[in-house]
Amino acid sequence: MKNYYKINEISKLYGIGPDSLRYYERLGILKPKRDTNQYRLYSLKDLYKLNLICDLRKLNFSMSQIKDYLDCQTVGNTLNILHREQELLTQKLRELKERERMIRERIHDLRTSEKIVSGQISEKIFPRRLYVKEQAYITQDEEMDLLIQKLLRRHENKIHSLGSQTIGAFLSPQDLMKGISNVYQSVFFILDTETSGYDGELPAGTYLSCYYRGNYNQNAACLKDMMDFIEHHRLTVLGEPFELYEIDNRDTMREEEFLTEIQIRIGGHAHYE
């Protein structure tokens, strides 16, 4: 084993650019000697320090913090670093477990969706559901996708994963009354937990539900069936209709595989014959 290594050898060995190695030298962390041609020669002690630098950078230590540690490397300071690494690993494990939970739930939802019958109207009871939303008059799918991305950026601290996020949109009542499908007045994300930073809520209560598969031009006809059902059973409409996208272009590019649910909050209960 050699006692000294040139800068290009160190750069290749550690995957660290020569400029970074020179920067470490200016900070006084590395102290390579020079040969007769003034080329830098890194000792085994420099290599030991580089190993520590690489490890500490993975813990997001700044170069200033790394220098302070190397200038006063003690058992106490090493214990502090190990405790910090332990905390980061614990946090990472929590994040991985949460990610695994969301994937498991999404697999379950997709498998369950295969059993859902289109056009079947039913009642569901929900607790209060909080949401964040973007208000806009939406007439094209591309506009919806753009607003979803805008909403995601605005609330990225509350959204864990777009793939498992419950996305919905409030339908435009004025257009629906004219029989015009696939027109919306806002898009929203239902939040997983209670929080103070929300734009609105879907109140707790009973909701009429109906699913349809395929393109979104079916929502006007689907909603008409629901309104006929409400009138037939003498129910009261307590809120605006909205869609929830169970399967959409996050999961498939085949439009025939899309699954959408329309919900309307109602008062009373239907009497089934």
Protein backbone atom coordinates (compact mmCIF):
# COMPACT_ATOMS: atom_id res chain seq x y z
CA MET A 1 0.00 0.00 0.00
CA LYS A 2 1.34 3.41 -0.94
CA ASN A 3 1.94 6.11 1.64
CA TYR A 4 0.96 8.99 -0.67
CA TYR A 5 -1.60 9.50 -3.45
CA LYS A 6 -1.97 12.19 -6.09
CA ILE A 7 -5.09 14.31 -6.42
CA ASN A 8 -6.39 12.49 -9.52
CA GLU A 9 -6.07 9.15 -7.71
CA ILE A 10 -7.96 10.46 -4.68
CA SER A 11 -10.63 12.04 -6.89
CA LYS A 12 -11.22 8.74 -8.70
CA LEU A 13 -11.11 6.64 -5.52
CA TYR A 14 -13.63 8.75 -3.58
CA GLY A 15 -15.69 10.21 -6.41
CA ILE A 16 -14.81 13.69 -5.21
CA GLY A 17 -13.91 16.39 -7.71
CA PRO A 18 -10.45 17.98 -7.56
CA ASP A 19 -12.07 21.38 -6.86
CA SER A 20 -13.72 19.96 -3.72
CA LEU A 21 -10.40 18.49 -2.57
CA ARG A 22 -8.73 21.87 -3.02
CA TYR A 23 -11.61 23.48 -1.09
CA TYR A 24 -11.07 21.08 1.82
CA GLU A 25 -7.42 22.11 1.75
CA ARG A 26 -8.29 25.81 1.89
CA LEU A 27 -10.48 25.10 4.94
CA GLY A 28 -7.50 23.43 6.59
CA ILE A 29 -9.24 20.06 6.84
CA LEU A 30 -6.80 18.33 4.49
CA LYS A 31 -3.11 19.14 4.46
CA PRO A 32 -1.44 17.41 1.50
CA LYS A 33 2.30 17.77 1.09
CA ARG A 34 3.94 18.72 -2.24
CA ASP A 35 6.45 16.83 -4.31
CA THR A 36 9.34 18.40 -6.18
CA ASN A 37 6.96 19.39 -9.00
CA GLN A 38 4.50 20.96 -6.51
CA TYR A 39 1.93 18.21 -7.11
CA ARG A 40 -0.29 17.50 -4.11
CA LEU A 41 0.41 14.25 -2.28
CA TYR A 42 -2.25 12.96 0.09
CA SER A 43 -1.16 10.86 3.05
CA LEU A 44 -2.95 7.98 4.75
CA LYS A 45 -4.02 10.47 7.43
CA ASP A 46 -5.72 12.54 4.71
CA LEU A 47 -7.50 9.42 3.51
CA TYR A 48 -8.74 8.76 7.03
CA LYS A 49 -10.12 12.31 7.17
CA LEU A 50 -11.75 11.90 3.76
CA ASN A 51 -13.56 8.81 5.03
CA LEU A 52 -14.92 10.86 7.92
CA ILE A 53 -15.88 13.73 5.61
CA CYS A 54 -17.87 11.37 3.36
CA ASP A 55 -19.66 9.83 6.36
CA LEU A 56 -20.50 13.19 7.93
CA ARG A 57 -21.71 14.65 4.63
CA LYS A 58 -24.23 11.80 4.45
CA LEU A 59 -25.56 13.10 7.79
CA ASN A 60 -25.95 16.56 6.24
CA PHE A 61 -23.12 18.07 8.28
CA SER A 62 -21.83 21.34 6.89
CA MET A 63 -18.14 21.64 6.10
CA SER A 64 -17.83 24.07 9.01
CA GLN A 65 -19.27 21.46 11.39
CA ILE A 66 -16.99 18.80 9.94
CA LYS A 67 -13.94 21.00 10.48
CA ASP A 68 -14.96 21.69 14.08
CA TYR A 69 -15.31 17.96 14.72
CA LEU A 70 -11.98 17.05 13.12
CA ASP A 71 -10.26 19.86 15.04
CA CYS A 72 -11.60 18.42 18.30
CA GLN A 73 -12.26 14.75 17.76
CA THR A 74 -13.15 13.23 21.13
CA VAL A 75 -15.21 10.31 22.36
CA GLY A 76 -17.87 12.79 23.51
CA ASN A 77 -18.11 14.44 20.10
CA THR A 78 -18.15 11.04 18.38
CA LEU A 79 -21.03 9.94 20.64
CA ASN A 80 -22.95 13.09 19.67
CA ILE A 81 -22.49 12.27 16.00
CA LEU A 82 -23.57 8.66 16.52
CA HIS A 83 -26.69 9.82 18.37
CA ARG A 84 -27.48 12.15 15.48
CA GLU A 85 -27.02 9.32 12.99
CA GLN A 86 -29.27 7.11 15.11
CA GLU A 87 -32.01 9.78 15.09
CA LEU A 88 -31.76 10.16 11.32
CA LEU A 89 -32.02 6.40 10.81
CA THR A 90 -35.04 6.24 13.13
CA GLN A 91 -36.73 9.01 11.15
CA LYS A 92 -35.89 7.27 7.87
CA LEU A 93 -37.39 4.02 9.18
CA ARG A 94 -40.59 5.87 10.14
CA GLU A 95 -40.77 7.36 6.64
CA LEU A 96 -40.21 3.97 5.02
CA LYS A 97 -42.90 2.35 7.18
CA GLU A 98 -45.34 5.12 6.28
CA ARG A 99 -44.49 4.72 2.61
CA GLU A 100 -45.02 0.96 2.88
CA ARG A 101 -48.40 1.54 4.55
CA MET A 102 -49.54 3.85 1.74
CA ILE A 103 -48.44 1.36 -0.93
CA ARG A 104 -50.24 -1.47 0.89
CA GLU A 105 -53.43 0.60 1.10
CA ARG A 106 -53.22 1.58 -2.58
CA ILE A 107 -52.84 -2.08 -3.60
CA HIS A 108 -55.90 -2.91 -1.51
CA ASP A 109 -57.91 -0.03 -3.04
CA LEU A 110 -57.06 -1.05 -6.61
CA ARG A 111 -57.96 -4.67 -5.98
CA THR A 112 -61.20 -3.67 -4.25
CA SER A 113 -62.15 -1.36 -7.13
CA GLU A 114 -62.38 -4.37 -9.45
CA LYS A 115 -65.48 -5.52 -7.54
CA ILE A 116 -67.31 -2.18 -7.70
CA VAL A 117 -70.47 -2.19 -9.81
CA SER A 118 -70.95 0.83 -12.08
CA GLY A 119 -74.25 2.71 -11.89
CA GLN A 120 -75.24 1.24 -8.54
CA ILE A 121 -76.51 3.91 -6.15
CA SER A 122 -75.87 3.47 -2.43
CA GLU A 123 -75.66 5.42 0.81
CA LYS A 124 -72.43 5.90 2.76
CA ILE A 125 -71.74 7.50 6.12
CA PHE A 126 -68.55 9.56 6.49
CA PRO A 127 -66.85 11.52 9.27
CA ARG A 128 -65.77 15.09 8.61
CA ARG A 129 -63.26 15.27 5.75
CA LEU A 130 -60.97 18.28 5.40
CA TYR A 131 -59.60 19.38 2.05
CA VAL A 132 -57.40 21.91 0.27
CA LYS A 133 -58.50 23.14 -3.14
CA GLU A 134 -57.82 25.25 -6.21
CA GLN A 135 -60.77 27.24 -7.51
CA ALA A 136 -61.08 27.42 -11.30
CA TYR A 137 -63.56 26.86 -14.11
CA ILE A 138 -62.31 23.60 -15.62
CA THR A 139 -63.49 22.35 -19.00
CA GLN A 140 -60.51 20.23 -20.14
CA ASP A 141 -58.62 17.32 -18.60
CA GLU A 142 -55.32 19.13 -19.20
CA GLU A 143 -56.54 22.03 -17.05
CA MET A 144 -57.38 19.58 -14.28
CA ASP A 145 -53.89 18.03 -14.42
CA LEU A 146 -52.28 21.49 -14.26
CA LEU A 147 -54.36 22.50 -11.23
CA ILE A 148 -53.53 19.24 -9.46
CA GLN A 149 -49.82 19.97 -9.87
CA LYS A 150 -50.36 23.54 -8.67
CA LEU A 151 -52.24 22.29 -5.63
CA LEU A 152 -49.51 19.74 -4.94
CA ARG A 153 -46.80 22.41 -4.98
CA ARG A 154 -48.82 24.69 -2.69
CA HIS A 155 -49.41 21.95 -0.12
CA GLU A 156 -46.44 19.63 -0.58
CA ASN A 157 -45.87 19.58 3.19
CA LYS A 158 -49.34 18.03 3.67
CA ILE A 159 -49.31 15.63 0.70
CA HIS A 160 -47.33 12.43 1.29
CA SER A 161 -47.73 10.83 -2.12
CA LEU A 162 -49.69 11.97 -5.16
CA GLY A 163 -50.17 8.34 -6.20
CA SER A 164 -52.11 7.53 -3.01
CA GLN A 165 -53.72 10.94 -2.56
CA THR A 166 -57.53 11.20 -2.66
CA ILE A 167 -58.26 13.71 -5.42
CA GLY A 168 -61.69 15.14 -6.12
CA ALA A 169 -63.44 17.92 -8.00
CA PHE A 170 -66.66 19.84 -7.44
CA LEU A 171 -68.90 19.65 -10.48
CA SER A 172 -70.32 22.83 -12.04
CA PRO A 173 -74.07 22.87 -11.14
CA GLN A 174 -74.90 25.43 -13.83
CA ASP A 175 -73.46 23.26 -16.59
CA LEU A 176 -74.97 20.07 -15.19
CA MET A 177 -78.42 21.67 -15.26
CA LYS A 178 -77.86 22.18 -18.99
CA GLY A 179 -76.82 18.54 -19.38
CA ILE A 180 -73.17 19.46 -20.02
CA SER A 181 -70.71 16.85 -18.72
CA ASN A 182 -67.14 17.04 -17.51
CA VAL A 183 -67.15 20.67 -16.30
CA TYR A 184 -65.89 21.59 -12.83
CA GLN A 185 -65.57 24.59 -10.54
CA SER A 186 -62.66 23.41 -8.35
CA VAL A 187 -60.26 20.55 -7.66
CA PHE A 188 -59.32 19.38 -4.15
CA PHE A 189 -57.20 16.98 -2.11
CA ILE A 190 -58.75 15.29 0.92
CA LEU A 191 -56.27 15.51 3.80
CA ASP A 192 -55.26 12.40 5.74
CA THR A 193 -55.16 14.09 9.14
CA GLU A 194 -56.77 16.96 11.04
CA THR A 195 -54.89 20.21 10.46
CA SER A 196 -55.42 23.94 10.77
CA GLY A 197 -54.27 24.63 7.20
CA TYR A 198 -57.28 23.61 5.12
CA ASP A 199 -59.61 25.35 2.68
CA GLY A 200 -62.89 23.59 3.45
CA GLU A 201 -64.59 20.48 4.70
CA LEU A 202 -67.00 17.81 3.59
CA PRO A 203 -69.28 17.65 6.65
CA ALA A 204 -69.89 14.43 8.51
CA GLY A 205 -73.08 12.71 7.46
CA THR A 206 -74.78 10.53 4.88
CA TYR A 207 -73.74 10.71 1.25
CA LEU A 208 -75.34 9.22 -1.83
CA SER A 209 -72.73 7.43 -3.94
CA CYS A 210 -72.58 6.21 -7.51
CA TYR A 211 -69.62 4.93 -9.56
CA TYR A 212 -69.01 4.99 -13.28
CA ARG A 213 -66.21 3.59 -15.41
CA GLY A 214 -64.58 5.16 -18.44
CA ASN A 215 -64.45 8.76 -19.64
CA TYR A 216 -65.76 11.71 -17.64
CA ASN A 217 -68.46 12.63 -20.14
CA GLN A 218 -70.70 10.21 -18.25
CA ASN A 219 -70.97 12.30 -15.09
CA ALA A 220 -74.03 14.30 -16.17
CA ALA A 221 -76.03 11.13 -16.91
CA CYS A 222 -74.80 9.49 -13.70
CA LEU A 223 -75.77 12.54 -11.66
CA LYS A 224 -79.21 12.63 -13.29
CA ASP A 225 -79.81 9.05 -12.12
CA MET A 226 -78.79 10.10 -8.61
CA MET A 227 -81.12 13.10 -8.64
CA ASP A 228 -83.99 10.88 -9.84
CA PHE A 229 -83.18 8.52 -6.97
CA ILE A 230 -83.24 11.44 -4.51
CA GLU A 231 -86.60 12.63 -5.80
CA HIS A 232 -88.09 9.13 -5.80
CA HIS A 233 -87.06 8.51 -2.19
CA ARG A 234 -87.89 12.07 -1.08
CA LEU A 235 -84.40 12.80 0.14
CA THR A 236 -82.93 16.26 0.72
CA VAL A 237 -79.78 17.50 -1.04
CA LEU A 238 -77.49 19.13 1.55
CA GLY A 239 -74.41 19.87 -0.55
CA GLU A 240 -72.95 20.25 -4.00
CA PRO A 241 -72.07 17.09 -5.96
CA PHE A 242 -68.41 16.17 -6.34
CA GLU A 243 -66.32 13.45 -7.92
CA LEU A 244 -63.59 11.32 -6.37
CA TYR A 245 -61.07 9.72 -8.70
CA GLU A 246 -60.55 6.13 -7.57
CA ILE A 247 -58.62 5.14 -10.72
CA ASP A 248 -57.34 7.77 -13.14
CA ASN A 249 -54.25 8.61 -15.17
CA ARG A 250 -52.06 8.13 -12.07
CA ASP A 251 -52.79 4.40 -12.38
CA THR A 252 -53.54 3.72 -16.05
CA MET A 253 -53.51 5.31 -19.48
CA ARG A 254 -56.49 3.20 -20.55
CA GLU A 255 -59.56 5.40 -20.26
CA GLU A 256 -61.85 2.37 -20.03
CA GLU A 257 -60.13 1.44 -16.75
CA PHE A 258 -60.91 4.80 -15.09
CA LEU A 259 -63.19 4.55 -12.05
CA THR A 260 -64.92 7.65 -10.70
CA GLU A 261 -67.29 8.08 -7.78
CA ILE A 262 -69.89 10.86 -7.51
CA GLN A 263 -71.03 11.78 -4.01
CA ILE A 264 -73.82 14.09 -2.79
CA ARG A 265 -74.51 14.83 0.86
CA ILE A 266 -78.16 14.08 1.67
CA GLY A 267 -80.69 14.29 4.47
CA GLY A 268 -82.92 11.31 5.20
CA HIS A 269 -82.61 7.70 4.16
CA ALA A 270 -83.91 5.82 1.18
CA HIS A 271 -86.46 3.05 1.71
CA TYR A 272 -85.37 0.19 -0.52
CA GLU A 273 -88.03 -2.12 -1.89
